Structure formats: C-alpha cells, structure tokens
Amino acid sequence: MNKIANFSTQRLPGDNFLSGALLGLMVSGSTNLNAFESNQKTKQEAIKDTIKFSLQTAIATGFAVKTANNIVSKNYSSALLNLAVGASLIYLTQKI
C-alpha cells in the first residue's frame, strides 16, 4: 500500500514528448479528418490544425513530466520555471 504514494523521478521528458505528439496526432488527426470529410475544413486547414495540436500536446506532456520530476525532487523553482516555459511554448504555437 505504501508504494502507491511513492513517485519516481525516472520519467524521461523526451519519451513523453514523443508520446504526447503521437497522442495529439491520433486525437487531432481523427477529429480533423472528420471535419475535412464533412466540408467544415479544407485539407490544408485540417493538416495545419493536426500538426499544431500534435506539437502542443507533445510540449504539454514533455514539460508536465519535467515539472513533475522537479516537484518530486522538491526542486520547486525549476518546477515553476518548466511550467512557465511549457505554457509559453504552447501559447506561441497557438500563434502559428
């Protein structure tokens, strides 16, 4: 029961960046394909939105893992910095 409360700092942000990109690709790809097929988006809009969402999901998962590792290590200033950088990068990609 004690193992439930234990956390690891061994999660690799790069691995989770890739997982997030794939997750975003699956979710956004299927959503945008549906929007394209129902003439709600052009092909170019659907592709752009899919790529953008995949990148944002990758950034979010990568920085979330890095932030979580910082919190577990009690490195709170780095956690706040990583959280801010991740949120800023997502904001910037929204402007693309």
N, C-alpha and C. Protein backbone atom coordinates (compact mmCIF):
# COMPACT_ATOMS: atom_id res chain seq x y z
N MET A 1 0.82 -1.19 0.00
CA MET A 1 0.00 0.00 0.00
C MET A 1 0.87 1.26 0.00
N ASN A 2 2.02 1.21 0.63
CA ASN A 2 2.91 2.35 0.70
C ASN A 2 3.45 2.73 -0.67
N LYS A 3 3.56 1.78 -1.59
CA LYS A 3 4.10 2.04 -2.91
C LYS A 3 3.21 2.96 -3.75
N ILE A 4 1.94 3.05 -3.40
CA ILE A 4 1.04 3.92 -4.15
C ILE A 4 1.46 5.37 -4.00
N ALA A 5 1.96 5.75 -2.84
CA ALA A 5 2.34 7.13 -2.57
C ALA A 5 3.76 7.46 -3.03
N ASN A 6 4.52 6.48 -3.45
CA ASN A 6 5.89 6.72 -3.89
C ASN A 6 5.90 7.16 -5.35
N PHE A 7 6.73 8.14 -5.65
CA PHE A 7 6.85 8.62 -7.01
C PHE A 7 8.29 8.49 -7.47
N SER A 8 8.46 8.32 -8.75
CA SER A 8 9.79 8.18 -9.34
C SER A 8 10.19 9.47 -10.03
N THR A 9 11.47 9.71 -10.09
CA THR A 9 11.99 10.84 -10.88
C THR A 9 12.61 10.33 -12.17
N GLN A 10 12.29 9.11 -12.55
CA GLN A 10 12.91 8.47 -13.70
C GLN A 10 12.13 8.62 -14.99
N ARG A 11 11.04 9.37 -14.96
CA ARG A 11 10.28 9.58 -16.19
C ARG A 11 11.09 10.51 -17.10
N LEU A 12 11.25 10.13 -18.33
CA LEU A 12 12.06 10.92 -19.25
C LEU A 12 11.16 11.86 -20.06
N PRO A 13 11.38 13.17 -19.95
CA PRO A 13 10.54 14.13 -20.68
C PRO A 13 10.54 13.90 -22.19
N GLY A 14 11.68 13.52 -22.76
CA GLY A 14 11.74 13.28 -24.21
C GLY A 14 10.84 12.14 -24.65
N ASP A 15 10.81 11.07 -23.86
CA ASP A 15 9.92 9.95 -24.18
C ASP A 15 8.47 10.41 -24.15
N ASN A 16 8.13 11.22 -23.17
CA ASN A 16 6.76 11.69 -23.04
C ASN A 16 6.42 12.75 -24.06
N PHE A 17 7.41 13.50 -24.53
CA PHE A 17 7.20 14.44 -25.63
C PHE A 17 6.73 13.66 -26.86
N LEU A 18 7.43 12.55 -27.14
CA LEU A 18 7.05 11.71 -28.29
C LEU A 18 5.67 11.10 -28.08
N SER A 19 5.41 10.59 -26.88
CA SER A 19 4.09 10.02 -26.59
C SER A 19 2.99 11.07 -26.75
N GLY A 20 3.26 12.29 -26.28
CA GLY A 20 2.28 13.36 -26.42
C GLY A 20 2.03 13.72 -27.86
N ALA A 21 3.09 13.74 -28.65
CA ALA A 21 2.93 14.03 -30.08
C ALA A 21 2.06 12.98 -30.76
N LEU A 22 2.30 11.73 -30.41
CA LEU A 22 1.50 10.64 -31.00
C LEU A 22 0.06 10.70 -30.54
N LEU A 23 -0.14 11.00 -29.27
CA LEU A 23 -1.49 11.14 -28.74
C LEU A 23 -2.22 12.28 -29.45
N GLY A 24 -1.54 13.42 -29.57
CA GLY A 24 -2.14 14.56 -30.27
C GLY A 24 -2.45 14.26 -31.72
N LEU A 25 -1.55 13.52 -32.37
CA LEU A 25 -1.76 13.14 -33.76
C LEU A 25 -3.00 12.26 -33.90
N MET A 26 -3.16 11.30 -33.00
CA MET A 26 -4.32 10.40 -33.08
C MET A 26 -5.63 11.15 -32.84
N VAL A 27 -5.66 11.96 -31.78
CA VAL A 27 -6.90 12.67 -31.44
C VAL A 27 -7.22 13.74 -32.47
N SER A 28 -6.25 14.61 -32.74
CA SER A 28 -6.49 15.70 -33.67
C SER A 28 -6.64 15.22 -35.10
N GLY A 29 -5.86 14.21 -35.46
CA GLY A 29 -5.96 13.66 -36.81
C GLY A 29 -7.34 13.12 -37.11
N SER A 30 -7.89 12.37 -36.18
CA SER A 30 -9.22 11.81 -36.42
C SER A 30 -10.29 12.90 -36.40
N THR A 31 -10.15 13.87 -35.50
CA THR A 31 -11.11 14.97 -35.43
C THR A 31 -11.06 15.83 -36.70
N ASN A 32 -9.84 16.14 -37.14
CA ASN A 32 -9.70 16.97 -38.33
C ASN A 32 -10.05 16.22 -39.61
N LEU A 33 -9.82 14.93 -39.64
CA LEU A 33 -10.26 14.14 -40.80
C LEU A 33 -11.77 14.20 -40.92
N ASN A 34 -12.45 14.07 -39.79
CA ASN A 34 -13.91 14.15 -39.79
C ASN A 34 -14.37 15.53 -40.25
N ALA A 35 -13.69 16.59 -39.77
CA ALA A 35 -14.06 17.95 -40.18
C ALA A 35 -13.82 18.16 -41.67
N PHE A 36 -12.73 17.59 -42.20
CA PHE A 36 -12.44 17.69 -43.63
C PHE A 36 -13.49 16.94 -44.45
N GLU A 37 -13.81 15.72 -44.03
CA GLU A 37 -14.77 14.91 -44.77
C GLU A 37 -16.18 15.51 -44.77
N SER A 38 -16.50 16.29 -43.73
CA SER A 38 -17.82 16.92 -43.67
C SER A 38 -17.78 18.37 -44.17
N ASN A 39 -16.70 18.70 -44.89
CA ASN A 39 -16.52 20.02 -45.51
C ASN A 39 -16.54 21.19 -44.52
N GLN A 40 -16.12 20.93 -43.29
CA GLN A 40 -16.02 22.00 -42.29
C GLN A 40 -14.64 22.66 -42.33
N LYS A 41 -13.65 21.94 -42.87
CA LYS A 41 -12.29 22.46 -43.01
C LYS A 41 -11.74 22.05 -44.36
N THR A 42 -10.82 22.88 -44.86
CA THR A 42 -10.11 22.48 -46.07
C THR A 42 -9.03 21.47 -45.67
N LYS A 43 -8.47 20.83 -46.67
CA LYS A 43 -7.39 19.87 -46.42
C LYS A 43 -6.22 20.55 -45.72
N GLN A 44 -5.86 21.74 -46.19
CA GLN A 44 -4.73 22.48 -45.61
C GLN A 44 -5.01 22.88 -44.16
N GLU A 45 -6.23 23.32 -43.87
CA GLU A 45 -6.60 23.68 -42.50
C GLU A 45 -6.53 22.46 -41.58
N ALA A 46 -7.03 21.33 -42.06
CA ALA A 46 -7.03 20.12 -41.25
C ALA A 46 -5.61 19.65 -40.95
N ILE A 47 -4.74 19.73 -41.94
CA ILE A 47 -3.34 19.33 -41.75
C ILE A 47 -2.65 20.27 -40.77
N LYS A 48 -2.83 21.58 -40.98
CA LYS A 48 -2.21 22.57 -40.09
C LYS A 48 -2.69 22.39 -38.65
N ASP A 49 -3.99 22.23 -38.45
CA ASP A 49 -4.53 22.06 -37.11
C ASP A 49 -4.03 20.78 -36.45
N THR A 50 -3.89 19.71 -37.24
CA THR A 50 -3.39 18.45 -36.71
C THR A 50 -1.94 18.58 -36.24
N ILE A 51 -1.12 19.21 -37.07
CA ILE A 51 0.29 19.39 -36.72
C ILE A 51 0.41 20.29 -35.49
N LYS A 52 -0.34 21.37 -35.46
CA LYS A 52 -0.28 22.30 -34.33
C LYS A 52 -0.69 21.61 -33.03
N PHE A 53 -1.80 20.89 -33.05
CA PHE A 53 -2.28 20.23 -31.84
C PHE A 53 -1.31 19.14 -31.40
N SER A 54 -0.73 18.42 -32.35
CA SER A 54 0.25 17.38 -32.01
C SER A 54 1.46 18.00 -31.32
N LEU A 55 1.93 19.12 -31.83
CA LEU A 55 3.06 19.81 -31.22
C LEU A 55 2.71 20.32 -29.83
N GLN A 56 1.53 20.89 -29.68
CA GLN A 56 1.11 21.41 -28.38
C GLN A 56 0.97 20.28 -27.36
N THR A 57 0.43 19.16 -27.77
CA THR A 57 0.29 18.02 -26.86
C THR A 57 1.66 17.47 -26.47
N ALA A 58 2.58 17.44 -27.42
CA ALA A 58 3.94 16.99 -27.13
C ALA A 58 4.61 17.91 -26.11
N ILE A 59 4.48 19.20 -26.33
CA ILE A 59 5.07 20.17 -25.40
C ILE A 59 4.45 20.00 -24.01
N ALA A 60 3.14 19.90 -23.96
CA ALA A 60 2.45 19.78 -22.67
C ALA A 60 2.88 18.53 -21.91
N THR A 61 2.95 17.40 -22.58
CA THR A 61 3.33 16.17 -21.86
C THR A 61 4.80 16.18 -21.47
N GLY A 62 5.66 16.66 -22.35
CA GLY A 62 7.09 16.72 -22.02
C GLY A 62 7.37 17.62 -20.83
N PHE A 63 6.79 18.82 -20.85
CA PHE A 63 7.02 19.74 -19.74
C PHE A 63 6.27 19.33 -18.48
N ALA A 64 5.14 18.67 -18.62
CA ALA A 64 4.43 18.17 -17.44
C ALA A 64 5.28 17.13 -16.71
N VAL A 65 5.90 16.24 -17.46
CA VAL A 65 6.77 15.22 -16.85
C VAL A 65 7.99 15.87 -16.21
N LYS A 66 8.60 16.82 -16.92
CA LYS A 66 9.76 17.51 -16.36
C LYS A 66 9.37 18.24 -15.08
N THR A 67 8.23 18.90 -15.08
CA THR A 67 7.74 19.61 -13.90
C THR A 67 7.45 18.63 -12.76
N ALA A 68 6.81 17.52 -13.08
CA ALA A 68 6.52 16.51 -12.05
C ALA A 68 7.81 15.96 -11.44
N ASN A 69 8.81 15.71 -12.28
CA ASN A 69 10.10 15.25 -11.76
C ASN A 69 10.70 16.27 -10.81
N ASN A 70 10.59 17.56 -11.15
CA ASN A 70 11.09 18.63 -10.28
C ASN A 70 10.35 18.66 -8.95
N ILE A 71 9.04 18.50 -8.99
CA ILE A 71 8.24 18.53 -7.77
C ILE A 71 8.61 17.36 -6.86
N VAL A 72 8.72 16.17 -7.43
CA VAL A 72 9.08 15.00 -6.64
C VAL A 72 10.47 15.16 -6.03
N SER A 73 11.35 15.85 -6.74
CA SER A 73 12.71 16.11 -6.23
C SER A 73 12.76 17.33 -5.31
N LYS A 74 11.61 17.93 -5.06
CA LYS A 74 11.49 19.13 -4.22
C LYS A 74 12.28 20.31 -4.77
N ASN A 75 12.38 20.37 -6.08
CA ASN A 75 13.05 21.47 -6.76
C ASN A 75 11.95 22.37 -7.32
N TYR A 76 11.31 23.12 -6.45
CA TYR A 76 10.10 23.86 -6.79
C TYR A 76 10.35 25.03 -7.73
N SER A 77 11.48 25.67 -7.64
CA SER A 77 11.75 26.79 -8.55
C SER A 77 11.90 26.29 -9.99
N SER A 78 12.57 25.16 -10.16
CA SER A 78 12.68 24.58 -11.51
C SER A 78 11.32 24.11 -12.01
N ALA A 79 10.50 23.60 -11.10
CA ALA A 79 9.15 23.16 -11.48
C ALA A 79 8.35 24.35 -12.02
N LEU A 80 8.40 25.46 -11.31
CA LEU A 80 7.68 26.65 -11.77
C LEU A 80 8.23 27.16 -13.10
N LEU A 81 9.53 27.13 -13.24
CA LEU A 81 10.15 27.57 -14.49
C LEU A 81 9.72 26.67 -15.65
N ASN A 82 9.78 25.36 -15.46
CA ASN A 82 9.37 24.44 -16.52
C ASN A 82 7.89 24.58 -16.86
N LEU A 83 7.08 24.80 -15.86
CA LEU A 83 5.66 25.00 -16.09
C LEU A 83 5.43 26.26 -16.93
N ALA A 84 6.14 27.33 -16.59
CA ALA A 84 6.00 28.59 -17.33
C ALA A 84 6.52 28.46 -18.77
N VAL A 85 7.65 27.80 -18.94
CA VAL A 85 8.21 27.63 -20.28
C VAL A 85 7.27 26.78 -21.14
N GLY A 86 6.76 25.69 -20.57
CA GLY A 86 5.83 24.84 -21.32
C GLY A 86 4.58 25.59 -21.74
N ALA A 87 4.00 26.34 -20.80
CA ALA A 87 2.80 27.11 -21.12
C ALA A 87 3.09 28.17 -22.18
N SER A 88 4.25 28.81 -22.07
CA SER A 88 4.64 29.83 -23.05
C SER A 88 4.83 29.24 -24.45
N LEU A 89 5.45 28.08 -24.52
CA LEU A 89 5.65 27.44 -25.83
C LEU A 89 4.30 27.04 -26.45
N ILE A 90 3.39 26.57 -25.64
CA ILE A 90 2.05 26.22 -26.16
C ILE A 90 1.36 27.48 -26.66
N TYR A 91 1.47 28.56 -25.91
CA TYR A 91 0.89 29.84 -26.32
C TYR A 91 1.48 30.29 -27.66
N LEU A 92 2.81 30.20 -27.79
CA LEU A 92 3.46 30.60 -29.03
C LEU A 92 3.03 29.74 -30.22
N THR A 93 2.88 28.45 -30.02
CA THR A 93 2.46 27.60 -31.13
C THR A 93 1.03 27.91 -31.56
N GLN A 94 0.23 28.44 -30.64
CA GLN A 94 -1.13 28.81 -30.99
C GLN A 94 -1.14 29.96 -32.00
N LYS A 95 -0.08 30.76 -31.98
CA LYS A 95 0.02 31.91 -32.88
C LYS A 95 0.45 31.54 -34.28
N ILE A 96 0.86 30.30 -34.49
CA ILE A 96 1.32 29.85 -35.81
C ILE A 96 0.14 29.75 -36.76
